[in-house]
Amino acid sequence: MRLLCPYCGWRAHEEFDHAGDAAVVRPQDDADLAAWHAYVYLRSNPKGICREYWQHTRGCRSWLRITRDTLTHEVIDSSFATGQSAP
């Protein structure tokens, strides 16, 4: 699988570390234990298009938000996760 870094271009996925689902929302600090349990332990495993966080650890070290199809591994969109520009 190849991923698109907005700064470095297309690279092998071995240069990146997967950091999880970009759709998960952190609960408020005063949330109950059930909300924190769901945030930490419960994850969906969608089939199809999803948004994920990746870090280009063996490249420019940027955090990325990548939209891809989990069935075909096609990268649909790639952007810097924090609105940053290229290093």
Protein backbone atom coordinates (compact mmCIF):
# COMPACT_ATOMS: atom_id res chain seq x y z
CA MET A 1 0.00 0.00 0.00
CA ARG A 2 1.21 3.51 -0.78
CA LEU A 3 0.13 6.63 1.10
CA LEU A 4 0.19 10.24 -0.01
CA CYS A 5 2.11 12.72 2.13
CA PRO A 6 1.21 16.30 1.09
CA TYR A 7 4.86 17.28 1.53
CA CYS A 8 6.84 14.22 0.38
CA GLY A 9 4.44 12.74 -2.19
CA TRP A 10 3.56 9.05 -2.56
CA ARG A 11 5.49 6.78 -0.21
CA ALA A 12 5.36 3.13 0.92
CA HIS A 13 3.19 2.59 4.00
CA GLU A 14 6.24 1.28 5.88
CA GLU A 15 7.36 4.92 6.26
CA PHE A 16 4.19 5.72 8.25
CA ASP A 17 2.75 4.76 11.63
CA HIS A 18 -1.00 4.29 11.91
CA ALA A 19 -2.49 6.37 14.72
CA GLY A 20 -6.15 5.40 14.63
CA ASP A 21 -9.58 6.54 13.57
CA ALA A 22 -9.85 10.27 12.89
CA ALA A 23 -13.60 10.25 13.61
CA VAL A 24 -13.26 9.42 17.32
CA VAL A 25 -14.13 12.40 19.52
CA ARG A 26 -12.53 12.79 22.94
CA PRO A 27 -15.07 13.15 25.78
CA GLN A 28 -15.18 16.22 28.01
CA ASP A 29 -12.97 16.04 31.09
CA ASP A 30 -16.00 15.71 33.37
CA ALA A 31 -17.57 12.84 31.36
CA ASP A 32 -18.64 9.67 33.17
CA LEU A 33 -16.63 6.44 33.15
CA ALA A 34 -18.83 4.86 30.48
CA ALA A 35 -17.95 7.65 28.03
CA TRP A 36 -14.24 7.26 28.77
CA HIS A 37 -14.46 3.47 28.46
CA ALA A 38 -16.08 3.82 25.04
CA TYR A 39 -13.46 6.38 23.94
CA VAL A 40 -10.48 4.27 25.00
CA TYR A 41 -11.61 0.71 24.22
CA LEU A 42 -14.53 0.61 21.79
CA ARG A 43 -13.70 1.06 18.11
CA SER A 44 -15.62 0.30 14.98
CA ASN A 45 -13.89 -1.49 12.14
CA PRO A 46 -15.62 -0.01 9.10
CA LYS A 47 -15.55 -1.64 5.72
CA GLY A 48 -15.20 1.00 3.04
CA ILE A 49 -14.24 4.66 3.23
CA CYS A 50 -12.82 5.93 6.53
CA ARG A 51 -10.62 8.75 7.85
CA GLU A 52 -7.50 7.85 9.80
CA TYR A 53 -4.55 9.56 11.44
CA TRP A 54 -1.08 8.58 10.25
CA GLN A 55 2.34 9.98 11.08
CA HIS A 56 5.09 10.06 8.47
CA THR A 57 7.66 8.89 11.04
CA ARG A 58 10.32 7.79 8.56
CA GLY A 59 9.97 10.90 6.43
CA CYS A 60 9.01 14.50 7.22
CA ARG A 61 7.41 13.45 10.57
CA SER A 62 4.15 15.26 9.76
CA TRP A 63 0.82 14.15 11.21
CA LEU A 64 -1.67 13.40 8.44
CA ARG A 65 -5.39 12.82 8.10
CA ILE A 66 -5.88 10.29 5.31
CA THR A 67 -9.18 9.25 3.81
CA ARG A 68 -8.97 5.82 2.24
CA ASP A 69 -11.05 2.83 1.24
CA THR A 70 -10.26 -0.07 3.58
CA LEU A 71 -11.33 -2.61 0.95
CA THR A 72 -9.10 -1.43 -1.89
CA HIS A 73 -6.56 0.70 0.06
CA GLU A 74 -7.22 3.51 -2.41
CA VAL A 75 -6.21 6.88 -0.94
CA ILE A 76 -9.01 9.38 -1.58
CA ASP A 77 -7.65 12.40 0.27
CA SER A 78 -4.62 13.34 2.32
CA SER A 79 -4.00 16.50 4.34
CA PHE A 80 -1.96 17.72 7.29
CA ALA A 81 -3.87 16.81 10.47
CA THR A 82 -3.40 20.13 12.26
CA GLY A 83 -3.69 22.54 9.37
CA GLN A 84 0.09 22.88 9.29
CA SER A 85 2.04 23.63 6.16
CA ALA A 86 5.02 21.67 4.92
CA PRO A 87 8.01 21.58 7.29
